[in-house]
Amino acid sequence: MHLEKVTSLDSIKTGDTLIITGDTLKNKPVKVYAVKVSPADGTEIIISKQKNSFFNLGMYLEGKSWVKDVMILK
């Protein structure tokens, strides 16, 4: 297994396991529930629909997200 840095809007797929560092998560492995792409919201990575836990991938790539670092566990 290795970690792959997220560098583009199409890097993350449904079912991927991510290692996220941010305001509320600290290097905790999480499974991607869904990837939602819409013209209004851009690309959202949904971690938990039940807890309404998600982040906007475009905002992360621009450095404007609560998520500070995302790696894909491969």
N, C-alpha and C. Protein backbone atom coordinates (compact mmCIF):
# COMPACT_ATOMS: atom_id res chain seq x y z
N MET A 1 0.83 -1.19 0.00
CA MET A 1 0.00 0.00 0.00
C MET A 1 0.87 1.25 0.00
N HIS A 2 0.33 2.28 -0.61
CA HIS A 2 1.03 3.57 -0.62
C HIS A 2 0.01 4.70 -0.62
N LEU A 3 0.47 5.91 -0.35
CA LEU A 3 -0.38 7.09 -0.35
C LEU A 3 -0.13 7.89 -1.61
N GLU A 4 -1.22 8.35 -2.22
CA GLU A 4 -1.14 9.15 -3.45
C GLU A 4 -1.77 10.51 -3.18
N LYS A 5 -1.03 11.57 -3.44
CA LYS A 5 -1.53 12.93 -3.22
C LYS A 5 -2.64 13.26 -4.23
N VAL A 6 -3.66 13.94 -3.77
CA VAL A 6 -4.76 14.37 -4.63
C VAL A 6 -4.35 15.67 -5.31
N THR A 7 -4.35 15.66 -6.65
CA THR A 7 -3.88 16.83 -7.39
C THR A 7 -4.86 17.34 -8.44
N SER A 8 -5.97 16.61 -8.67
CA SER A 8 -6.92 17.04 -9.70
C SER A 8 -8.34 16.70 -9.30
N LEU A 9 -9.31 17.30 -10.00
CA LEU A 9 -10.72 17.10 -9.69
C LEU A 9 -11.20 15.67 -9.93
N ASP A 10 -10.50 14.91 -10.75
CA ASP A 10 -10.94 13.54 -11.02
C ASP A 10 -10.09 12.48 -10.31
N SER A 11 -9.32 12.89 -9.31
CA SER A 11 -8.45 11.96 -8.58
C SER A 11 -9.21 10.99 -7.68
N ILE A 12 -10.32 11.45 -7.10
CA ILE A 12 -11.03 10.66 -6.09
C ILE A 12 -12.26 10.01 -6.70
N LYS A 13 -12.45 8.73 -6.38
CA LYS A 13 -13.59 7.95 -6.87
C LYS A 13 -14.39 7.42 -5.68
N THR A 14 -15.67 7.13 -5.89
CA THR A 14 -16.50 6.51 -4.87
C THR A 14 -15.86 5.20 -4.42
N GLY A 15 -15.78 5.00 -3.11
CA GLY A 15 -15.19 3.79 -2.56
C GLY A 15 -13.72 3.92 -2.19
N ASP A 16 -13.04 4.99 -2.64
CA ASP A 16 -11.64 5.20 -2.27
C ASP A 16 -11.53 5.39 -0.76
N THR A 17 -10.39 5.01 -0.21
CA THR A 17 -10.09 5.30 1.19
C THR A 17 -9.13 6.48 1.22
N LEU A 18 -9.52 7.52 1.96
CA LEU A 18 -8.72 8.75 2.04
C LEU A 18 -8.13 8.90 3.42
N ILE A 19 -6.98 9.52 3.49
CA ILE A 19 -6.39 9.98 4.74
C ILE A 19 -6.49 11.50 4.69
N ILE A 20 -7.33 12.05 5.58
CA ILE A 20 -7.61 13.49 5.57
C ILE A 20 -7.04 14.15 6.82
N THR A 21 -6.40 15.29 6.63
CA THR A 21 -5.99 16.14 7.74
C THR A 21 -6.73 17.46 7.57
N GLY A 22 -7.42 17.87 8.62
CA GLY A 22 -8.17 19.12 8.55
C GLY A 22 -8.60 19.56 9.93
N ASP A 23 -9.55 20.50 9.98
CA ASP A 23 -10.00 21.05 11.24
C ASP A 23 -10.65 20.01 12.14
N THR A 24 -11.39 19.04 11.56
CA THR A 24 -12.11 18.08 12.38
C THR A 24 -11.57 16.65 12.28
N LEU A 25 -10.75 16.37 11.29
CA LEU A 25 -10.17 15.03 11.13
C LEU A 25 -8.66 15.14 11.16
N LYS A 26 -8.02 14.23 11.84
CA LYS A 26 -6.56 14.23 11.93
C LYS A 26 -6.02 12.87 11.50
N ASN A 27 -5.67 12.75 10.23
CA ASN A 27 -5.06 11.54 9.68
C ASN A 27 -5.89 10.28 9.92
N LYS A 28 -7.20 10.42 9.91
CA LYS A 28 -8.08 9.28 10.11
C LYS A 28 -8.51 8.73 8.75
N PRO A 29 -8.36 7.41 8.53
CA PRO A 29 -8.81 6.85 7.26
C PRO A 29 -10.34 6.93 7.14
N VAL A 30 -10.83 7.42 6.03
CA VAL A 30 -12.27 7.49 5.77
C VAL A 30 -12.57 6.96 4.38
N LYS A 31 -13.70 6.31 4.23
CA LYS A 31 -14.14 5.76 2.95
C LYS A 31 -15.04 6.78 2.27
N VAL A 32 -14.85 7.00 0.97
CA VAL A 32 -15.67 7.94 0.21
C VAL A 32 -17.02 7.29 -0.07
N TYR A 33 -18.08 7.91 0.43
CA TYR A 33 -19.44 7.42 0.21
C TYR A 33 -19.87 7.71 -1.23
N ALA A 34 -19.61 8.92 -1.69
CA ALA A 34 -20.01 9.32 -3.04
C ALA A 34 -19.21 10.53 -3.50
N VAL A 35 -19.12 10.68 -4.81
CA VAL A 35 -18.53 11.88 -5.43
C VAL A 35 -19.67 12.55 -6.18
N LYS A 36 -20.01 13.76 -5.79
CA LYS A 36 -21.12 14.49 -6.40
C LYS A 36 -20.56 15.66 -7.20
N VAL A 37 -20.91 15.71 -8.48
CA VAL A 37 -20.46 16.80 -9.34
C VAL A 37 -21.70 17.55 -9.82
N SER A 38 -21.72 18.86 -9.56
CA SER A 38 -22.83 19.68 -10.03
C SER A 38 -22.30 21.03 -10.50
N PRO A 39 -22.99 21.65 -11.47
CA PRO A 39 -22.54 22.95 -11.97
C PRO A 39 -22.52 24.03 -10.88
N ALA A 40 -23.45 23.96 -9.95
CA ALA A 40 -23.53 24.99 -8.90
C ALA A 40 -22.49 24.79 -7.80
N ASP A 41 -22.28 23.54 -7.38
CA ASP A 41 -21.42 23.28 -6.23
C ASP A 41 -20.03 22.75 -6.59
N GLY A 42 -19.82 22.36 -7.81
CA GLY A 42 -18.53 21.78 -8.19
C GLY A 42 -18.46 20.32 -7.77
N THR A 43 -17.27 19.85 -7.43
CA THR A 43 -17.06 18.45 -7.05
C THR A 43 -17.02 18.34 -5.54
N GLU A 44 -18.00 17.62 -4.99
CA GLU A 44 -18.06 17.42 -3.55
C GLU A 44 -17.74 15.97 -3.23
N ILE A 45 -16.91 15.76 -2.25
CA ILE A 45 -16.55 14.43 -1.78
C ILE A 45 -17.37 14.17 -0.52
N ILE A 46 -18.32 13.24 -0.62
CA ILE A 46 -19.20 12.95 0.51
C ILE A 46 -18.62 11.78 1.29
N ILE A 47 -18.30 12.05 2.55
CA ILE A 47 -17.71 11.04 3.42
C ILE A 47 -18.81 10.29 4.17
N SER A 48 -19.78 11.02 4.69
CA SER A 48 -20.90 10.40 5.41
C SER A 48 -22.16 11.20 5.12
N LYS A 49 -23.11 10.57 4.46
CA LYS A 49 -24.38 11.23 4.17
C LYS A 49 -25.17 11.43 5.47
N GLN A 50 -25.10 10.44 6.36
CA GLN A 50 -25.81 10.48 7.63
C GLN A 50 -25.35 11.65 8.51
N LYS A 51 -24.03 11.90 8.54
CA LYS A 51 -23.48 12.97 9.37
C LYS A 51 -23.29 14.27 8.60
N ASN A 52 -23.69 14.29 7.32
CA ASN A 52 -23.50 15.45 6.45
C ASN A 52 -22.03 15.88 6.42
N SER A 53 -21.15 14.91 6.29
CA SER A 53 -19.71 15.16 6.28
C SER A 53 -19.19 15.11 4.84
N PHE A 54 -18.68 16.24 4.38
CA PHE A 54 -18.20 16.34 3.00
C PHE A 54 -17.20 17.47 2.89
N PHE A 55 -16.52 17.51 1.74
CA PHE A 55 -15.70 18.68 1.42
C PHE A 55 -15.74 18.91 -0.07
N ASN A 56 -15.49 20.15 -0.46
CA ASN A 56 -15.48 20.53 -1.87
C ASN A 56 -14.05 20.36 -2.38
N LEU A 57 -13.89 19.50 -3.36
CA LEU A 57 -12.55 19.18 -3.87
C LEU A 57 -11.90 20.39 -4.56
N GLY A 58 -12.67 21.16 -5.29
CA GLY A 58 -12.13 22.36 -5.93
C GLY A 58 -11.60 23.36 -4.92
N MET A 59 -12.34 23.55 -3.84
CA MET A 59 -11.89 24.47 -2.78
C MET A 59 -10.63 23.94 -2.11
N TYR A 60 -10.54 22.61 -1.90
CA TYR A 60 -9.33 22.02 -1.33
C TYR A 60 -8.13 22.30 -2.23
N LEU A 61 -8.29 22.07 -3.54
CA LEU A 61 -7.18 22.27 -4.47
C LEU A 61 -6.75 23.74 -4.54
N GLU A 62 -7.67 24.67 -4.25
CA GLU A 62 -7.35 26.10 -4.22
C GLU A 62 -6.83 26.56 -2.86
N GLY A 63 -6.82 25.66 -1.86
CA GLY A 63 -6.36 26.02 -0.52
C GLY A 63 -7.39 26.77 0.30
N LYS A 64 -8.69 26.62 -0.04
CA LYS A 64 -9.76 27.36 0.64
C LYS A 64 -10.71 26.46 1.41
N SER A 65 -10.32 25.24 1.72
CA SER A 65 -11.19 24.27 2.37
C SER A 65 -10.79 24.03 3.82
N TRP A 66 -11.71 23.47 4.61
CA TRP A 66 -11.37 23.04 5.97
C TRP A 66 -10.39 21.88 5.93
N VAL A 67 -10.37 21.18 4.80
CA VAL A 67 -9.42 20.07 4.59
C VAL A 67 -8.07 20.66 4.22
N LYS A 68 -7.05 20.28 4.97
CA LYS A 68 -5.70 20.82 4.72
C LYS A 68 -4.86 19.89 3.86
N ASP A 69 -5.08 18.56 3.97
CA ASP A 69 -4.32 17.61 3.18
C ASP A 69 -5.16 16.37 2.94
N VAL A 70 -5.13 15.84 1.71
CA VAL A 70 -5.86 14.62 1.35
C VAL A 70 -4.92 13.71 0.59
N MET A 71 -4.87 12.46 1.05
CA MET A 71 -4.09 11.42 0.37
C MET A 71 -5.03 10.24 0.13
N ILE A 72 -4.84 9.56 -1.01
CA ILE A 72 -5.61 8.36 -1.31
C ILE A 72 -4.77 7.15 -0.93
N LEU A 73 -5.35 6.26 -0.15
CA LEU A 73 -4.67 5.03 0.24
C LEU A 73 -4.87 4.01 -0.89
N LYS A 74 -3.80 3.65 -1.56
CA LYS A 74 -3.87 2.72 -2.70
C LYS A 74 -3.29 1.38 -2.32
